[in-house]
Amino acid sequence: MPNEQSAPNFFAVVNDMAKRFVELMQSDYRMKRKVGRNFTNAVASGTLEKSLAYRLKIKGKSIDISVYAKGRASKYFLFRENGVNGTQKSQGAPYSFKRGSGSKPAKGQMSPMQQAIYDWMSIKGIRLRDKSSGKFKKSNEELKQTVAKLIMFKVRRDGIKGWHAFDYAMENIWDEYEAKIVEAYGKDFTATLENQFKDI
């Protein structure tokens, strides 16, 4: 089985491929998504995108790249990546919101999910319109918290569609690196043969 000493070119290319894999996932997060009639950047703070890291494991002919999120984003990375089924709508996800689940906040406070939506509204600079006049409403704390709660109820009901950036990276990485890996392995194999027969 090759190791970093016997196959330095192969390991260097595979390590570079793992870094590129994370870059492809990050670029997928930055792509604009269609929301309603418009295309918009669904990323708010960029915390998840910046937190991505990888673990590389090579065993025999198997190359295993594990992507994970560091820090605060580790709490929601898999939910955002794979999606969450709602209480009334399936997203084909391995996770689900359940009726009555979630921590109940203390009086006068927001739940963690409501707070996250509230923060997202602030980062995105979302402004509320009056239905009848079409004009922007004058925002206040109570109104923002109420809207955040309504959005939370809708998210729990409909679920969260998975981002599947991992799948996007998988679809694009091999075409870019297949020839490089074969070439690197060939260089290491040739070097190994030359070392074995140099004294013959």
C-alpha atoms as a PDB file:
ATOM      1  CA  MET A   1       0.000   0.000   0.000  1.00  0.00           C
ATOM      2  CA  PRO A   2       1.477   3.416  -0.924  1.00  0.00           C
ATOM      3  CA  ASN A   3       2.405   5.924   1.748  1.00  0.00           C
ATOM      4  CA  GLU A   4       3.648   9.497   1.721  1.00  0.00           C
ATOM      5  CA  GLN A   5       7.264   8.329   1.579  1.00  0.00           C
ATOM      6  CA  SER A   6       6.882   5.801  -1.245  1.00  0.00           C
ATOM      7  CA  ALA A   7       4.352   7.825  -3.278  1.00  0.00           C
ATOM      8  CA  PRO A   8       4.939  11.548  -2.588  1.00  0.00           C
ATOM      9  CA  ASN A   9       3.531  12.742  -5.931  1.00  0.00           C
ATOM     10  CA  PHE A  10       0.340  10.709  -5.520  1.00  0.00           C
ATOM     11  CA  PHE A  11      -0.264  11.955  -1.972  1.00  0.00           C
ATOM     12  CA  ALA A  12       0.444  15.570  -2.943  1.00  0.00           C
ATOM     13  CA  VAL A  13      -2.122  15.447  -5.764  1.00  0.00           C
ATOM     14  CA  VAL A  14      -4.746  13.708  -3.619  1.00  0.00           C
ATOM     15  CA  ASN A  15      -4.250  16.259  -0.829  1.00  0.00           C
ATOM     16  CA  ASP A  16      -4.631  19.050  -3.391  1.00  0.00           C
ATOM     17  CA  MET A  17      -7.780  17.327  -4.669  1.00  0.00           C
ATOM     18  CA  ALA A  18      -9.241  17.301  -1.141  1.00  0.00           C
ATOM     19  CA  LYS A  19      -8.608  21.048  -0.805  1.00  0.00           C
ATOM     20  CA  ARG A  20     -10.204  21.621  -4.202  1.00  0.00           C
ATOM     21  CA  PHE A  21     -13.208  19.511  -3.110  1.00  0.00           C
ATOM     22  CA  VAL A  22     -13.866  21.933  -0.242  1.00  0.00           C
ATOM     23  CA  GLU A  23     -13.420  24.901  -2.607  1.00  0.00           C
ATOM     24  CA  LEU A  24     -16.067  23.449  -4.947  1.00  0.00           C
ATOM     25  CA  MET A  25     -18.501  23.070  -2.039  1.00  0.00           C
ATOM     26  CA  GLN A  26     -17.816  26.655  -1.007  1.00  0.00           C
ATOM     27  CA  SER A  27     -18.407  27.897  -4.557  1.00  0.00           C
ATOM     28  CA  ASP A  28     -21.720  26.024  -4.638  1.00  0.00           C
ATOM     29  CA  TYR A  29     -22.785  27.809  -1.432  1.00  0.00           C
ATOM     30  CA  ARG A  30     -22.059  31.146  -3.152  1.00  0.00           C
ATOM     31  CA  MET A  31     -24.209  30.352  -6.218  1.00  0.00           C
ATOM     32  CA  LYS A  32     -27.475  32.248  -6.462  1.00  0.00           C
ATOM     33  CA  ARG A  33     -30.643  30.221  -5.888  1.00  0.00           C
ATOM     34  CA  LYS A  34     -34.111  30.885  -7.233  1.00  0.00           C
ATOM     35  CA  VAL A  35     -36.427  32.057  -4.476  1.00  0.00           C
ATOM     36  CA  GLY A  36     -39.904  32.764  -5.796  1.00  0.00           C
ATOM     37  CA  ARG A  37     -39.427  34.721  -9.030  1.00  0.00           C
ATOM     38  CA  ASN A  38     -35.969  36.028  -8.238  1.00  0.00           C
ATOM     39  CA  PHE A  39     -32.446  34.648  -7.986  1.00  0.00           C
ATOM     40  CA  THR A  40     -30.745  35.517  -4.727  1.00  0.00           C
ATOM     41  CA  ASN A  41     -27.678  34.660  -2.699  1.00  0.00           C
ATOM     42  CA  ALA A  42     -29.126  32.461   0.030  1.00  0.00           C
ATOM     43  CA  VAL A  43     -25.980  32.703   2.154  1.00  0.00           C
ATOM     44  CA  ALA A  44     -26.314  35.238   4.950  1.00  0.00           C
ATOM     45  CA  SER A  45     -23.159  35.528   7.078  1.00  0.00           C
ATOM     46  CA  GLY A  46     -20.931  33.060   5.220  1.00  0.00           C
ATOM     47  CA  THR A  47     -20.110  31.304   8.502  1.00  0.00           C
ATOM     48  CA  LEU A  48     -20.803  27.811   7.150  1.00  0.00           C
ATOM     49  CA  GLU A  49     -18.848  28.369   3.954  1.00  0.00           C
ATOM     50  CA  LYS A  50     -15.783  29.624   5.859  1.00  0.00           C
ATOM     51  CA  SER A  51     -15.946  26.825   8.446  1.00  0.00           C
ATOM     52  CA  LEU A  52     -15.568  23.907   6.032  1.00  0.00           C
ATOM     53  CA  ALA A  53     -12.558  21.619   6.470  1.00  0.00           C
ATOM     54  CA  TYR A  54     -11.636  18.102   5.381  1.00  0.00           C
ATOM     55  CA  ARG A  55     -10.119  14.842   6.553  1.00  0.00           C
ATOM     56  CA  LEU A  56      -8.291  12.669   4.038  1.00  0.00           C
ATOM     57  CA  LYS A  57      -7.961   8.898   4.379  1.00  0.00           C
ATOM     58  CA  ILE A  58      -6.287   6.645   1.808  1.00  0.00           C
ATOM     59  CA  LYS A  59      -6.611   2.889   2.226  1.00  0.00           C
ATOM     60  CA  GLY A  60      -5.523   0.630  -0.614  1.00  0.00           C
ATOM     61  CA  LYS A  61      -7.214   1.891  -3.763  1.00  0.00           C
ATOM     62  CA  SER A  62      -9.860   3.790  -1.779  1.00  0.00           C
ATOM     63  CA  ILE A  63      -9.642   7.569  -1.372  1.00  0.00           C
ATOM     64  CA  ASP A  64     -11.975   8.868   1.329  1.00  0.00           C
ATOM     65  CA  ILE A  65     -12.545  12.632   1.684  1.00  0.00           C
ATOM     66  CA  SER A  66     -14.641  13.576   4.714  1.00  0.00           C
ATOM     67  CA  VAL A  67     -15.878  17.167   4.835  1.00  0.00           C
ATOM     68  CA  TYR A  68     -16.995  18.720   8.115  1.00  0.00           C
ATOM     69  CA  ALA A  69     -17.701  22.145   9.594  1.00  0.00           C
ATOM     70  CA  LYS A  70     -15.699  23.670  12.418  1.00  0.00           C
ATOM     71  CA  GLY A  71     -17.001  25.796  15.272  1.00  0.00           C
ATOM     72  CA  ARG A  72     -20.587  27.037  15.526  1.00  0.00           C
ATOM     73  CA  ALA A  73     -21.482  25.844  12.017  1.00  0.00           C
ATOM     74  CA  SER A  74     -20.868  22.226  13.034  1.00  0.00           C
ATOM     75  CA  LYS A  75     -24.237  22.318  14.820  1.00  0.00           C
ATOM     76  CA  TYR A  76     -26.217  22.813  11.613  1.00  0.00           C
ATOM     77  CA  PHE A  77     -23.912  21.773   8.752  1.00  0.00           C
ATOM     78  CA  LEU A  78     -25.491  18.341   8.136  1.00  0.00           C
ATOM     79  CA  PHE A  79     -29.036  19.727   8.410  1.00  0.00           C
ATOM     80  CA  ARG A  80     -28.261  22.441   5.842  1.00  0.00           C
ATOM     81  CA  GLU A  81     -26.405  20.066   3.563  1.00  0.00           C
ATOM     82  CA  ASN A  82     -28.862  17.139   3.624  1.00  0.00           C
ATOM     83  CA  GLY A  83     -32.095  18.970   4.412  1.00  0.00           C
ATOM     84  CA  VAL A  84     -34.792  18.471   7.055  1.00  0.00           C
ATOM     85  CA  ASN A  85     -38.310  17.122   6.499  1.00  0.00           C
ATOM     86  CA  GLY A  86     -41.120  19.368   7.703  1.00  0.00           C
ATOM     87  CA  THR A  87     -44.039  18.312   9.868  1.00  0.00           C
ATOM     88  CA  GLN A  88     -46.327  18.484   6.797  1.00  0.00           C
ATOM     89  CA  LYS A  89     -43.920  18.247   3.848  1.00  0.00           C
ATOM     90  CA  SER A  90     -41.137  15.819   3.017  1.00  0.00           C
ATOM     91  CA  GLN A  91     -37.819  17.018   1.618  1.00  0.00           C
ATOM     92  CA  GLY A  92     -36.482  13.483   1.179  1.00  0.00           C
ATOM     93  CA  ALA A  93     -34.064  14.181   4.013  1.00  0.00           C
ATOM     94  CA  PRO A  94     -32.594  11.927   6.722  1.00  0.00           C
ATOM     95  CA  TYR A  95     -33.693  14.394   9.422  1.00  0.00           C
ATOM     96  CA  SER A  96     -37.156  15.644  10.394  1.00  0.00           C
ATOM     97  CA  PHE A  97     -38.842  18.323  12.458  1.00  0.00           C
ATOM     98  CA  LYS A  98     -41.307  16.704  14.844  1.00  0.00           C
ATOM     99  CA  ARG A  99     -44.540  18.170  16.135  1.00  0.00           C
ATOM    100  CA  GLY A 100     -43.979  19.780  19.495  1.00  0.00           C
ATOM    101  CA  SER A 101     -40.202  19.407  19.304  1.00  0.00           C
ATOM    102  CA  GLY A 102     -37.781  22.218  20.030  1.00  0.00           C
ATOM    103  CA  SER A 103     -36.936  24.020  23.228  1.00  0.00           C
ATOM    104  CA  LYS A 104     -39.579  26.327  24.679  1.00  0.00           C
ATOM    105  CA  PRO A 105     -38.082  29.776  25.363  1.00  0.00           C
ATOM    106  CA  ALA A 106     -38.458  31.649  28.586  1.00  0.00           C
ATOM    107  CA  LYS A 107     -41.087  34.373  28.640  1.00  0.00           C
ATOM    108  CA  GLY A 108     -39.987  37.372  26.616  1.00  0.00           C
ATOM    109  CA  GLN A 109     -37.185  35.474  24.866  1.00  0.00           C
ATOM    110  CA  MET A 110     -36.902  33.856  21.435  1.00  0.00           C
ATOM    111  CA  SER A 111     -36.246  30.180  20.791  1.00  0.00           C
ATOM    112  CA  PRO A 112     -32.831  29.320  19.230  1.00  0.00           C
ATOM    113  CA  MET A 113     -34.472  28.778  15.832  1.00  0.00           C
ATOM    114  CA  GLN A 114     -36.460  32.019  16.002  1.00  0.00           C
ATOM    115  CA  GLN A 115     -33.313  33.868  17.083  1.00  0.00           C
ATOM    116  CA  ALA A 116     -31.365  32.416  14.135  1.00  0.00           C
ATOM    117  CA  ILE A 117     -34.073  33.591  11.716  1.00  0.00           C
ATOM    118  CA  TYR A 118     -34.181  36.991  13.403  1.00  0.00           C
ATOM    119  CA  ASP A 119     -30.390  37.318  12.988  1.00  0.00           C
ATOM    120  CA  TRP A 120     -30.667  36.190   9.345  1.00  0.00           C
ATOM    121  CA  MET A 121     -33.300  38.892   8.699  1.00  0.00           C
ATOM    122  CA  SER A 122     -30.977  41.507  10.167  1.00  0.00           C
ATOM    123  CA  ILE A 123     -27.929  40.368   8.158  1.00  0.00           C
ATOM    124  CA  LYS A 124     -29.907  40.259   4.904  1.00  0.00           C
ATOM    125  CA  GLY A 125     -31.493  43.633   5.628  1.00  0.00           C
ATOM    126  CA  ILE A 126     -35.002  42.298   5.056  1.00  0.00           C
ATOM    127  CA  ARG A 127     -37.684  44.992   5.059  1.00  0.00           C
ATOM    128  CA  LEU A 128     -41.391  44.349   5.426  1.00  0.00           C
ATOM    129  CA  ARG A 129     -44.047  45.730   3.086  1.00  0.00           C
ATOM    130  CA  ASP A 130     -47.630  46.638   3.819  1.00  0.00           C
ATOM    131  CA  LYS A 131     -49.891  44.343   1.757  1.00  0.00           C
ATOM    132  CA  SER A 132     -52.438  46.987   0.889  1.00  0.00           C
ATOM    133  CA  SER A 133     -50.181  49.954   0.069  1.00  0.00           C
ATOM    134  CA  GLY A 134     -47.045  48.093  -1.009  1.00  0.00           C
ATOM    135  CA  LYS A 135     -44.956  50.522   1.026  1.00  0.00           C
ATOM    136  CA  PHE A 136     -42.258  49.442   3.448  1.00  0.00           C
ATOM    137  CA  LYS A 137     -43.417  49.225   7.034  1.00  0.00           C
ATOM    138  CA  LYS A 138     -41.622  51.035   9.786  1.00  0.00           C
ATOM    139  CA  SER A 139     -39.828  48.226  11.565  1.00  0.00           C
ATOM    140  CA  ASN A 140     -39.755  47.747  15.314  1.00  0.00           C
ATOM    141  CA  GLU A 141     -38.519  45.011  17.627  1.00  0.00           C
ATOM    142  CA  GLU A 142     -41.931  43.447  18.264  1.00  0.00           C
ATOM    143  CA  LEU A 143     -42.771  43.267  14.540  1.00  0.00           C
ATOM    144  CA  LYS A 144     -39.388  41.725  13.647  1.00  0.00           C
ATOM    145  CA  GLN A 145     -39.750  39.074  16.348  1.00  0.00           C
ATOM    146  CA  THR A 146     -43.310  38.284  15.205  1.00  0.00           C
ATOM    147  CA  VAL A 147     -42.204  37.866  11.580  1.00  0.00           C
ATOM    148  CA  ALA A 148     -39.267  35.708  12.664  1.00  0.00           C
ATOM    149  CA  LYS A 149     -41.693  33.469  14.561  1.00  0.00           C
ATOM    150  CA  LEU A 150     -44.028  33.178  11.535  1.00  0.00           C
ATOM    151  CA  ILE A 151     -41.090  32.240   9.292  1.00  0.00           C
ATOM    152  CA  MET A 152     -40.021  29.670  11.886  1.00  0.00           C
ATOM    153  CA  PHE A 153     -43.499  28.071  11.839  1.00  0.00           C
ATOM    154  CA  LYS A 154     -43.378  27.879   8.025  1.00  0.00           C
ATOM    155  CA  VAL A 155     -39.886  26.352   8.043  1.00  0.00           C
ATOM    156  CA  ARG A 156     -40.933  23.732  10.578  1.00  0.00           C
ATOM    157  CA  ARG A 157     -44.044  22.932   8.535  1.00  0.00           C
ATOM    158  CA  ASP A 158     -42.376  22.780   5.078  1.00  0.00           C
ATOM    159  CA  GLY A 159     -38.895  21.683   6.130  1.00  0.00           C
ATOM    160  CA  ILE A 160     -35.526  22.731   4.742  1.00  0.00           C
ATOM    161  CA  LYS A 161     -34.403  21.723   1.269  1.00  0.00           C
ATOM    162  CA  GLY A 162     -30.911  20.222   1.310  1.00  0.00           C
ATOM    163  CA  TRP A 163     -28.108  22.158  -0.333  1.00  0.00           C
ATOM    164  CA  HIS A 164     -26.211  19.044  -1.528  1.00  0.00           C
ATOM    165  CA  ALA A 165     -22.974  20.938  -2.160  1.00  0.00           C
ATOM    166  CA  PHE A 166     -21.117  17.662  -1.476  1.00  0.00           C
ATOM    167  CA  ASP A 167     -22.861  16.087  -4.473  1.00  0.00           C
ATOM    168  CA  TYR A 168     -21.946  19.095  -6.613  1.00  0.00           C
ATOM    169  CA  ALA A 169     -18.285  18.710  -5.667  1.00  0.00           C
ATOM    170  CA  MET A 170     -18.379  14.954  -6.331  1.00  0.00           C
ATOM    171  CA  GLU A 171     -19.807  15.524  -9.806  1.00  0.00           C
ATOM    172  CA  ASN A 172     -17.062  17.973 -10.741  1.00  0.00           C
ATOM    173  CA  ILE A 173     -13.901  16.841  -8.957  1.00  0.00           C
ATOM    174  CA  TRP A 174     -13.057  13.619 -10.790  1.00  0.00           C
ATOM    175  CA  ASP A 175     -12.953  15.074 -14.302  1.00  0.00           C
ATOM    176  CA  GLU A 176     -10.510  17.671 -13.027  1.00  0.00           C
ATOM    177  CA  TYR A 177      -8.198  15.284 -11.149  1.00  0.00           C
ATOM    178  CA  GLU A 178      -8.388  11.832 -12.764  1.00  0.00           C
ATOM    179  CA  ALA A 179      -5.512  12.457 -15.203  1.00  0.00           C
ATOM    180  CA  LYS A 180      -3.429  14.203 -12.510  1.00  0.00           C
ATOM    181  CA  ILE A 181      -3.782  11.237 -10.127  1.00  0.00           C
ATOM    182  CA  VAL A 182      -2.855   8.697 -12.810  1.00  0.00           C
ATOM    183  CA  GLU A 183       0.172  10.776 -13.822  1.00  0.00           C
ATOM    184  CA  ALA A 184       1.342  11.214 -10.214  1.00  0.00           C
ATOM    185  CA  TYR A 185       0.946   7.504  -9.462  1.00  0.00           C
ATOM    186  CA  GLY A 186       2.921   6.713 -12.631  1.00  0.00           C
ATOM    187  CA  LYS A 187       5.770   8.989 -11.533  1.00  0.00           C
ATOM    188  CA  ASP A 188       5.938   7.369  -8.103  1.00  0.00           C
ATOM    189  CA  PHE A 189       5.800   3.847  -9.581  1.00  0.00           C
ATOM    190  CA  THR A 190       8.621   4.674 -12.009  1.00  0.00           C
ATOM    191  CA  ALA A 191      10.718   6.156  -9.201  1.00  0.00           C
ATOM    192  CA  THR A 192      10.158   3.041  -7.086  1.00  0.00           C
ATOM    193  CA  LEU A 193      11.297   0.760  -9.907  1.00  0.00           C
ATOM    194  CA  GLU A 194      14.393   2.893 -10.544  1.00  0.00           C
ATOM    195  CA  ASN A 195      15.334   2.707  -6.855  1.00  0.00           C
ATOM    196  CA  GLN A 196      14.865  -1.057  -6.769  1.00  0.00           C
ATOM    197  CA  PHE A 197      16.972  -1.705  -9.885  1.00  0.00           C
ATOM    198  CA  LYS A 198      19.618   1.028  -9.635  1.00  0.00           C
ATOM    199  CA  ASP A 199      22.130  -1.279  -7.970  1.00  0.00           C
ATOM    200  CA  ILE A 200      21.519  -4.270 -10.280  1.00  0.00           C
END
